[in-house]
């Protein structure tokens, strides 16, 4: 069973990008073999996402979507090879459930969830908003992880948990996504029923990174961040066999500034 998560940075752009040379999101989807694809930052309405993904839906994929109330922002989705038994948008938050940042879908005794955590800031209102999200969301997924079912939460967490998770960690100690409080929050999750599957499989080696700035030579120099990953509960994480980042072969072959992250679990 393969669960893949990817921030598409706009699903319509990801589908259209390099379509003339067969290198966009849809060819990637056809060439890989995921059972579930957790999408973030779709940035489109339900009708627009359905139109963009029409070829995949015609081939049998099922779409579950949480669009943001604010047009052109956020948006998360789950593509699955079978129809879900249940879909839940949000995590019971009056402040955040309408923002298109979290969706859960049940398939038998498996729950997969797509997350797009706010980027935040070093200080100010955006920082405070991110921490309010983290407080509510952390309580929700900690409880979710304790349920007697398999749970995988994948997405763009916008937090690099450890020094090995970004190339330039020494110059980013005060940057959003690497603040001590953010890293402590992830550490608390992974000590309370959730496990960072990719990190456990790859040990303490740097990366593998999943996001690189479009600017400069970040991609060519592999100066990236590992902010896209899956946290699984102990029951599912025990069956994790391998994890990989689908990094493009070259800068101009990317269809997003993020790369897909795929984890294979034993059935």
C-alpha atoms as a PDB file:
ATOM      1  CA  UNK A   1       0.000   0.000   0.000  1.00  0.00           C
ATOM      2  CA  UNK A   2       1.501   3.317  -1.093  1.00  0.00           C
ATOM      3  CA  UNK A   3       0.430   6.638   0.388  1.00  0.00           C
ATOM      4  CA  UNK A   4       1.860   9.732  -1.302  1.00  0.00           C
ATOM      5  CA  UNK A   5       1.549  13.358  -0.273  1.00  0.00           C
ATOM      6  CA  UNK A   6       2.422  16.419  -2.352  1.00  0.00           C
ATOM      7  CA  UNK A   7       1.872  20.161  -2.267  1.00  0.00           C
ATOM      8  CA  UNK A   8       0.916  20.828  -5.891  1.00  0.00           C
ATOM      9  CA  UNK A   9       1.258  24.633  -5.622  1.00  0.00           C
ATOM     10  CA  UNK A  10      -1.980  25.074  -7.586  1.00  0.00           C
ATOM     11  CA  UNK A  11      -3.530  21.975  -9.140  1.00  0.00           C
ATOM     12  CA  UNK A  12      -4.433  23.679 -12.412  1.00  0.00           C
ATOM     13  CA  UNK A  13      -0.855  24.861 -12.901  1.00  0.00           C
ATOM     14  CA  UNK A  14       0.545  21.467 -11.894  1.00  0.00           C
ATOM     15  CA  UNK A  15      -1.655  19.720 -14.463  1.00  0.00           C
ATOM     16  CA  UNK A  16      -0.900  22.234 -17.208  1.00  0.00           C
ATOM     17  CA  UNK A  17       2.825  22.539 -16.554  1.00  0.00           C
ATOM     18  CA  UNK A  18       4.866  21.065 -19.384  1.00  0.00           C
ATOM     19  CA  UNK A  19       1.795  19.187 -20.620  1.00  0.00           C
ATOM     20  CA  UNK A  20       3.156  19.505 -24.142  1.00  0.00           C
ATOM     21  CA  UNK A  21       6.086  17.287 -23.151  1.00  0.00           C
ATOM     22  CA  UNK A  22       4.087  14.953 -20.894  1.00  0.00           C
ATOM     23  CA  UNK A  23       5.790  15.982 -17.664  1.00  0.00           C
ATOM     24  CA  UNK A  24       3.021  17.468 -15.502  1.00  0.00           C
ATOM     25  CA  UNK A  25       1.058  16.133 -12.552  1.00  0.00           C
ATOM     26  CA  UNK A  26      -1.160  13.732 -14.514  1.00  0.00           C
ATOM     27  CA  UNK A  27       1.720  11.887 -16.238  1.00  0.00           C
ATOM     28  CA  UNK A  28       3.428  11.604 -12.839  1.00  0.00           C
ATOM     29  CA  UNK A  29       0.235  10.128 -11.387  1.00  0.00           C
ATOM     30  CA  UNK A  30       0.051   7.579 -14.207  1.00  0.00           C
ATOM     31  CA  UNK A  31       3.729   6.664 -13.967  1.00  0.00           C
ATOM     32  CA  UNK A  32       3.712   6.065 -10.215  1.00  0.00           C
ATOM     33  CA  UNK A  33       1.603   3.545  -8.350  1.00  0.00           C
ATOM     34  CA  UNK A  34       0.074   5.192  -5.269  1.00  0.00           C
ATOM     35  CA  UNK A  35      -3.122   3.934  -3.688  1.00  0.00           C
ATOM     36  CA  UNK A  36      -3.805   7.278  -2.007  1.00  0.00           C
ATOM     37  CA  UNK A  37      -2.535  10.741  -2.975  1.00  0.00           C
ATOM     38  CA  UNK A  38      -2.841  13.503  -0.388  1.00  0.00           C
ATOM     39  CA  UNK A  39      -2.851  16.903  -2.097  1.00  0.00           C
ATOM     40  CA  UNK A  40      -2.190  20.318  -0.594  1.00  0.00           C
ATOM     41  CA  UNK A  41      -2.566  23.857  -1.910  1.00  0.00           C
ATOM     42  CA  UNK A  42      -4.988  22.956  -4.704  1.00  0.00           C
ATOM     43  CA  UNK A  43      -6.013  26.658  -4.779  1.00  0.00           C
ATOM     44  CA  UNK A  44      -9.181  26.104  -6.793  1.00  0.00           C
ATOM     45  CA  UNK A  45     -12.907  25.531  -6.460  1.00  0.00           C
ATOM     46  CA  UNK A  46     -14.441  22.062  -6.504  1.00  0.00           C
ATOM     47  CA  UNK A  47     -15.499  22.491 -10.142  1.00  0.00           C
ATOM     48  CA  UNK A  48     -12.037  23.711 -11.148  1.00  0.00           C
ATOM     49  CA  UNK A  49     -10.274  20.839  -9.395  1.00  0.00           C
ATOM     50  CA  UNK A  50     -12.677  18.325 -10.937  1.00  0.00           C
ATOM     51  CA  UNK A  51     -12.057  19.784 -14.389  1.00  0.00           C
ATOM     52  CA  UNK A  52      -8.275  19.745 -13.948  1.00  0.00           C
ATOM     53  CA  UNK A  53      -8.300  16.135 -12.743  1.00  0.00           C
ATOM     54  CA  UNK A  54     -10.938  14.908 -15.190  1.00  0.00           C
ATOM     55  CA  UNK A  55      -8.582  12.474 -17.005  1.00  0.00           C
ATOM     56  CA  UNK A  56      -7.658  10.822 -13.689  1.00  0.00           C
ATOM     57  CA  UNK A  57     -11.264  10.690 -12.498  1.00  0.00           C
ATOM     58  CA  UNK A  58     -12.294   9.103 -15.794  1.00  0.00           C
ATOM     59  CA  UNK A  59      -9.675   6.408 -15.139  1.00  0.00           C
ATOM     60  CA  UNK A  60     -11.342   5.534 -11.834  1.00  0.00           C
ATOM     61  CA  UNK A  61      -9.722   7.810  -9.254  1.00  0.00           C
ATOM     62  CA  UNK A  62     -12.031   9.182  -6.545  1.00  0.00           C
ATOM     63  CA  UNK A  63     -11.719  12.783  -5.335  1.00  0.00           C
ATOM     64  CA  UNK A  64     -12.419  14.119  -1.831  1.00  0.00           C
ATOM     65  CA  UNK A  65     -11.843  17.856  -1.492  1.00  0.00           C
ATOM     66  CA  UNK A  66     -11.861  20.614   1.115  1.00  0.00           C
ATOM     67  CA  UNK A  67     -11.652  23.957  -0.623  1.00  0.00           C
ATOM     68  CA  UNK A  68     -10.874  27.195   1.171  1.00  0.00           C
ATOM     69  CA  UNK A  69     -13.598  29.736   1.756  1.00  0.00           C
ATOM     70  CA  UNK A  70     -11.159  32.347   0.444  1.00  0.00           C
ATOM     71  CA  UNK A  71     -10.882  31.832  -3.316  1.00  0.00           C
ATOM     72  CA  UNK A  72      -7.477  30.898  -4.691  1.00  0.00           C
ATOM     73  CA  UNK A  73      -6.036  29.952  -1.312  1.00  0.00           C
ATOM     74  CA  UNK A  74      -5.019  26.675   0.344  1.00  0.00           C
ATOM     75  CA  UNK A  75      -7.280  23.687  -0.399  1.00  0.00           C
ATOM     76  CA  UNK A  76      -6.539  20.031   0.381  1.00  0.00           C
ATOM     77  CA  UNK A  77      -7.735  16.819  -1.228  1.00  0.00           C
ATOM     78  CA  UNK A  78      -7.418  13.051  -1.274  1.00  0.00           C
ATOM     79  CA  UNK A  79      -7.275  11.032  -4.479  1.00  0.00           C
ATOM     80  CA  UNK A  80      -8.048   7.364  -3.884  1.00  0.00           C
ATOM     81  CA  UNK A  81      -8.440   4.278  -6.028  1.00  0.00           C
ATOM     82  CA  UNK A  82     -11.576   3.296  -4.101  1.00  0.00           C
ATOM     83  CA  UNK A  83     -14.416   5.426  -2.795  1.00  0.00           C
ATOM     84  CA  UNK A  84     -14.058   6.470   0.866  1.00  0.00           C
ATOM     85  CA  UNK A  85     -16.446   5.207   3.504  1.00  0.00           C
ATOM     86  CA  UNK A  86     -16.518   8.630   5.146  1.00  0.00           C
ATOM     87  CA  UNK A  87     -14.977  12.082   4.652  1.00  0.00           C
ATOM     88  CA  UNK A  88     -14.499  14.764   7.302  1.00  0.00           C
ATOM     89  CA  UNK A  89     -13.444  18.340   6.611  1.00  0.00           C
ATOM     90  CA  UNK A  90     -11.546  20.118   9.359  1.00  0.00           C
ATOM     91  CA  UNK A  91     -10.890  19.078  12.940  1.00  0.00           C
ATOM     92  CA  UNK A  92     -13.698  20.746  14.839  1.00  0.00           C
ATOM     93  CA  UNK A  93     -12.244  24.254  14.813  1.00  0.00           C
ATOM     94  CA  UNK A  94     -14.494  27.282  14.473  1.00  0.00           C
ATOM     95  CA  UNK A  95     -11.521  29.319  13.310  1.00  0.00           C
ATOM     96  CA  UNK A  96      -9.875  26.974  10.820  1.00  0.00           C
ATOM     97  CA  UNK A  97     -12.329  24.416   9.444  1.00  0.00           C
ATOM     98  CA  UNK A  98     -13.342  26.737   6.585  1.00  0.00           C
ATOM     99  CA  UNK A  99      -9.768  27.463   5.486  1.00  0.00           C
ATOM    100  CA  UNK A 100      -9.200  24.339   3.369  1.00  0.00           C
ATOM    101  CA  UNK A 101      -6.271  23.031   5.408  1.00  0.00           C
ATOM    102  CA  UNK A 102      -7.333  19.593   6.639  1.00  0.00           C
ATOM    103  CA  UNK A 103      -9.376  16.635   5.421  1.00  0.00           C
ATOM    104  CA  UNK A 104      -9.756  13.051   6.654  1.00  0.00           C
ATOM    105  CA  UNK A 105     -11.039  10.070   4.670  1.00  0.00           C
ATOM    106  CA  UNK A 106     -11.790   6.558   5.943  1.00  0.00           C
ATOM    107  CA  UNK A 107     -11.196   3.391   3.933  1.00  0.00           C
ATOM    108  CA  UNK A 108     -12.078   0.315   5.962  1.00  0.00           C
ATOM    109  CA  UNK A 109      -9.815   0.358   9.019  1.00  0.00           C
ATOM    110  CA  UNK A 110      -7.533   3.026   7.499  1.00  0.00           C
ATOM    111  CA  UNK A 111      -7.790   6.803   7.921  1.00  0.00           C
ATOM    112  CA  UNK A 112      -5.692   9.022   5.670  1.00  0.00           C
ATOM    113  CA  UNK A 113      -5.550  12.758   6.225  1.00  0.00           C
ATOM    114  CA  UNK A 114      -4.252  15.625   4.092  1.00  0.00           C
ATOM    115  CA  UNK A 115      -2.772  18.612   5.934  1.00  0.00           C
ATOM    116  CA  UNK A 116      -1.631  22.065   4.857  1.00  0.00           C
ATOM    117  CA  UNK A 117      -0.311  23.715   8.001  1.00  0.00           C
ATOM    118  CA  UNK A 118      -0.040  27.535   7.894  1.00  0.00           C
ATOM    119  CA  UNK A 119       3.429  28.837   7.076  1.00  0.00           C
ATOM    120  CA  UNK A 120       3.362  31.381   9.886  1.00  0.00           C
ATOM    121  CA  UNK A 121       6.014  34.006  10.585  1.00  0.00           C
ATOM    122  CA  UNK A 122       8.777  34.739  13.057  1.00  0.00           C
ATOM    123  CA  UNK A 123       6.462  37.065  14.992  1.00  0.00           C
ATOM    124  CA  UNK A 124       3.192  38.927  14.734  1.00  0.00           C
ATOM    125  CA  UNK A 125      -0.324  37.814  13.834  1.00  0.00           C
ATOM    126  CA  UNK A 126       0.662  35.131  11.320  1.00  0.00           C
ATOM    127  CA  UNK A 127       2.871  33.498  13.923  1.00  0.00           C
ATOM    128  CA  UNK A 128       0.083  33.626  16.484  1.00  0.00           C
ATOM    129  CA  UNK A 129      -2.398  32.192  13.988  1.00  0.00           C
ATOM    130  CA  UNK A 130      -0.102  29.269  13.208  1.00  0.00           C
ATOM    131  CA  UNK A 131       0.328  28.487  16.880  1.00  0.00           C
ATOM    132  CA  UNK A 132      -3.422  28.593  17.486  1.00  0.00           C
ATOM    133  CA  UNK A 133      -3.823  26.123  14.625  1.00  0.00           C
ATOM    134  CA  UNK A 134      -1.112  23.904  16.075  1.00  0.00           C
ATOM    135  CA  UNK A 135      -2.702  23.883  19.527  1.00  0.00           C
ATOM    136  CA  UNK A 136      -6.123  22.751  18.255  1.00  0.00           C
ATOM    137  CA  UNK A 137      -4.794  20.449  15.571  1.00  0.00           C
ATOM    138  CA  UNK A 138      -2.255  18.762  17.822  1.00  0.00           C
ATOM    139  CA  UNK A 139      -4.955  17.780  20.301  1.00  0.00           C
ATOM    140  CA  UNK A 140      -7.079  16.382  17.482  1.00  0.00           C
ATOM    141  CA  UNK A 141      -4.458  14.169  15.849  1.00  0.00           C
ATOM    142  CA  UNK A 142      -3.086  12.967  19.168  1.00  0.00           C
ATOM    143  CA  UNK A 143      -6.565  11.625  19.928  1.00  0.00           C
ATOM    144  CA  UNK A 144      -6.916  10.290  16.372  1.00  0.00           C
ATOM    145  CA  UNK A 145      -3.655   8.336  16.684  1.00  0.00           C
ATOM    146  CA  UNK A 146      -5.024   6.439  19.678  1.00  0.00           C
ATOM    147  CA  UNK A 147      -7.966   4.977  17.789  1.00  0.00           C
ATOM    148  CA  UNK A 148      -7.913   1.273  16.947  1.00  0.00           C
ATOM    149  CA  UNK A 149      -7.333   1.811  13.252  1.00  0.00           C
ATOM    150  CA  UNK A 150      -4.467   2.673  10.924  1.00  0.00           C
ATOM    151  CA  UNK A 151      -3.826   6.415  10.677  1.00  0.00           C
ATOM    152  CA  UNK A 152      -1.553   8.361   8.310  1.00  0.00           C
ATOM    153  CA  UNK A 153      -1.456  12.165   8.293  1.00  0.00           C
ATOM    154  CA  UNK A 154       0.520  13.465   5.349  1.00  0.00           C
ATOM    155  CA  UNK A 155       1.092  16.855   3.898  1.00  0.00           C
ATOM    156  CA  UNK A 156       2.925  20.139   4.001  1.00  0.00           C
ATOM    157  CA  UNK A 157       3.643  20.624   7.706  1.00  0.00           C
ATOM    158  CA  UNK A 158       5.666  23.799   7.128  1.00  0.00           C
ATOM    159  CA  UNK A 159       7.986  22.704   9.935  1.00  0.00           C
ATOM    160  CA  UNK A 160      11.387  21.065   9.574  1.00  0.00           C
ATOM    161  CA  UNK A 161      11.623  19.022  12.803  1.00  0.00           C
ATOM    162  CA  UNK A 162      15.415  18.636  13.077  1.00  0.00           C
ATOM    163  CA  UNK A 163      18.689  20.111  11.891  1.00  0.00           C
ATOM    164  CA  UNK A 164      19.054  17.298   9.341  1.00  0.00           C
ATOM    165  CA  UNK A 165      15.757  18.392   7.791  1.00  0.00           C
ATOM    166  CA  UNK A 166      17.097  21.525   6.101  1.00  0.00           C
ATOM    167  CA  UNK A 167      20.371  22.302   4.407  1.00  0.00           C
ATOM    168  CA  UNK A 168      20.995  25.770   5.839  1.00  0.00           C
ATOM    169  CA  UNK A 169      19.822  25.174   9.397  1.00  0.00           C
ATOM    170  CA  UNK A 170      22.473  27.408  10.970  1.00  0.00           C
ATOM    171  CA  UNK A 171      21.133  30.510   9.187  1.00  0.00           C
ATOM    172  CA  UNK A 172      17.450  29.636   9.753  1.00  0.00           C
ATOM    173  CA  UNK A 173      17.285  29.359  13.533  1.00  0.00           C
ATOM    174  CA  UNK A 174      14.853  32.282  13.680  1.00  0.00           C
ATOM    175  CA  UNK A 175      12.951  31.476  10.486  1.00  0.00           C
ATOM    176  CA  UNK A 176       9.330  30.291  10.464  1.00  0.00           C
ATOM    177  CA  UNK A 177       9.317  26.557   9.956  1.00  0.00           C
ATOM    178  CA  UNK A 178      12.394  26.055  12.139  1.00  0.00           C
ATOM    179  CA  UNK A 179      11.503  27.951  15.302  1.00  0.00           C
ATOM    180  CA  UNK A 180      12.293  26.080  18.530  1.00  0.00           C
ATOM    181  CA  UNK A 181       8.619  26.134  19.548  1.00  0.00           C
ATOM    182  CA  UNK A 182       7.546  24.620  16.218  1.00  0.00           C
ATOM    183  CA  UNK A 183      10.123  21.855  16.421  1.00  0.00           C
ATOM    184  CA  UNK A 184       9.132  21.125  20.015  1.00  0.00           C
ATOM    185  CA  UNK A 185       5.511  20.778  18.888  1.00  0.00           C
ATOM    186  CA  UNK A 186       6.438  18.097  16.331  1.00  0.00           C
ATOM    187  CA  UNK A 187       8.610  16.357  18.921  1.00  0.00           C
ATOM    188  CA  UNK A 188       5.652  16.286  21.284  1.00  0.00           C
ATOM    189  CA  UNK A 189       3.484  14.666  18.602  1.00  0.00           C
ATOM    190  CA  UNK A 190       6.091  11.994  17.916  1.00  0.00           C
ATOM    191  CA  UNK A 191       6.335  11.165  21.603  1.00  0.00           C
ATOM    192  CA  UNK A 192       2.560  10.872  22.001  1.00  0.00           C
ATOM    193  CA  UNK A 193       1.446   8.183  19.582  1.00  0.00           C
ATOM    194  CA  UNK A 194       2.644   9.401  16.177  1.00  0.00           C
ATOM    195  CA  UNK A 195       5.830   8.526  14.301  1.00  0.00           C
ATOM    196  CA  UNK A 196       7.753  10.367  11.599  1.00  0.00           C
ATOM    197  CA  UNK A 197       7.887   7.474   9.156  1.00  0.00           C
ATOM    198  CA  UNK A 198      10.336   8.909   6.639  1.00  0.00           C
ATOM    199  CA  UNK A 199      12.846   9.964   9.301  1.00  0.00           C
ATOM    200  CA  UNK A 200      12.721   6.572  11.020  1.00  0.00           C
ATOM    201  CA  UNK A 201      13.378   4.782   7.738  1.00  0.00           C
ATOM    202  CA  UNK A 202      16.227   7.068   6.676  1.00  0.00           C
ATOM    203  CA  UNK A 203      17.952   7.470  10.019  1.00  0.00           C
ATOM    204  CA  UNK A 204      19.976  10.603  10.750  1.00  0.00           C
ATOM    205  CA  UNK A 205      21.140  11.298   7.210  1.00  0.00           C
ATOM    206  CA  UNK A 206      20.401  14.832   5.896  1.00  0.00           C
ATOM    207  CA  UNK A 207      17.087  15.173   4.068  1.00  0.00           C
ATOM    208  CA  UNK A 208      15.844  13.852   1.804  1.00  0.00           C
ATOM    209  CA  UNK A 209      14.395  17.308   1.182  1.00  0.00           C
ATOM    210  CA  UNK A 210      10.969  17.896  -0.311  1.00  0.00           C
ATOM    211  CA  UNK A 211      10.865  21.663  -0.935  1.00  0.00           C
ATOM    212  CA  UNK A 212      13.275  24.025  -2.694  1.00  0.00           C
ATOM    213  CA  UNK A 213      12.843  27.702  -3.440  1.00  0.00           C
ATOM    214  CA  UNK A 214      12.242  28.629  -7.069  1.00  0.00           C
ATOM    215  CA  UNK A 215      14.894  31.319  -6.616  1.00  0.00           C
ATOM    216  CA  UNK A 216      18.609  31.021  -7.235  1.00  0.00           C
ATOM    217  CA  UNK A 217      20.325  27.651  -7.284  1.00  0.00           C
ATOM    218  CA  UNK A 218      18.492  26.096  -4.329  1.00  0.00           C
ATOM    219  CA  UNK A 219      17.261  23.104  -6.314  1.00  0.00           C
ATOM    220  CA  UNK A 220      20.513  22.554  -8.207  1.00  0.00           C
ATOM    221  CA  UNK A 221      22.485  22.699  -4.943  1.00  0.00           C
ATOM    222  CA  UNK A 222      19.898  20.605  -3.099  1.00  0.00           C
ATOM    223  CA  UNK A 223      19.545  23.405  -0.554  1.00  0.00           C
ATOM    224  CA  UNK A 224      16.097  22.351   0.550  1.00  0.00           C
ATOM    225  CA  UNK A 225      13.786  21.690   3.475  1.00  0.00           C
ATOM    226  CA  UNK A 226      12.053  18.496   4.563  1.00  0.00           C
ATOM    227  CA  UNK A 227       8.662  19.977   5.415  1.00  0.00           C
ATOM    228  CA  UNK A 228       6.495  17.412   3.597  1.00  0.00           C
ATOM    229  CA  UNK A 229       6.165  14.114   5.461  1.00  0.00           C
ATOM    230  CA  UNK A 230       3.809  11.575   6.971  1.00  0.00           C
ATOM    231  CA  UNK A 231       3.129  11.003  10.637  1.00  0.00           C
ATOM    232  CA  UNK A 232       1.537   7.597  11.230  1.00  0.00           C
ATOM    233  CA  UNK A 233       0.250   6.024  14.392  1.00  0.00           C
ATOM    234  CA  UNK A 234       2.257   3.150  15.858  1.00  0.00           C
ATOM    235  CA  UNK A 235      -0.076   0.522  14.416  1.00  0.00           C
ATOM    236  CA  UNK A 236       0.543   1.648  10.819  1.00  0.00           C
ATOM    237  CA  UNK A 237       4.126   2.904  11.215  1.00  0.00           C
ATOM    238  CA  UNK A 238       5.215  -0.577  12.253  1.00  0.00           C
ATOM    239  CA  UNK A 239       4.387  -1.713   8.698  1.00  0.00           C
ATOM    240  CA  UNK A 240       6.323   1.028   6.886  1.00  0.00           C
ATOM    241  CA  UNK A 241       8.748  -0.582   4.437  1.00  0.00           C
ATOM    242  CA  UNK A 242      10.238   2.249   2.394  1.00  0.00           C
ATOM    243  CA  UNK A 243       9.949   5.959   1.760  1.00  0.00           C
ATOM    244  CA  UNK A 244      11.126   8.092  -1.130  1.00  0.00           C
ATOM    245  CA  UNK A 245      10.968  11.619  -2.479  1.00  0.00           C
ATOM    246  CA  UNK A 246      10.091  11.898  -6.178  1.00  0.00           C
ATOM    247  CA  UNK A 247      12.623  14.632  -6.905  1.00  0.00           C
ATOM    248  CA  UNK A 248      12.580  15.950 -10.472  1.00  0.00           C
ATOM    249  CA  UNK A 249      15.639  15.245 -12.592  1.00  0.00           C
ATOM    250  CA  UNK A 250      16.192  18.952 -13.276  1.00  0.00           C
ATOM    251  CA  UNK A 251      14.993  22.384 -12.182  1.00  0.00           C
ATOM    252  CA  UNK A 252      12.943  23.014 -15.326  1.00  0.00           C
ATOM    253  CA  UNK A 253      11.193  19.629 -15.089  1.00  0.00           C
ATOM    254  CA  UNK A 254       9.410  20.454 -11.818  1.00  0.00           C
ATOM    255  CA  UNK A 255       5.660  21.034 -11.778  1.00  0.00           C
ATOM    256  CA  UNK A 256       5.696  22.278  -8.166  1.00  0.00           C
ATOM    257  CA  UNK A 257       8.242  23.741  -5.772  1.00  0.00           C
ATOM    258  CA  UNK A 258       7.508  20.662  -3.616  1.00  0.00           C
ATOM    259  CA  UNK A 259       8.268  17.050  -4.529  1.00  0.00           C
ATOM    260  CA  UNK A 260       5.921  14.102  -3.834  1.00  0.00           C
ATOM    261  CA  UNK A 261       6.747  12.033  -0.767  1.00  0.00           C
ATOM    262  CA  UNK A 262       5.712   8.352  -0.994  1.00  0.00           C
ATOM    263  CA  UNK A 263       5.653   5.749   1.767  1.00  0.00           C
ATOM    264  CA  UNK A 264       5.078   2.050   1.149  1.00  0.00           C
ATOM    265  CA  UNK A 265       3.353   0.108   3.912  1.00  0.00           C
ATOM    266  CA  UNK A 266       2.866  -3.642   4.146  1.00  0.00           C
ATOM    267  CA  UNK A 267      -0.780  -4.686   3.791  1.00  0.00           C
END
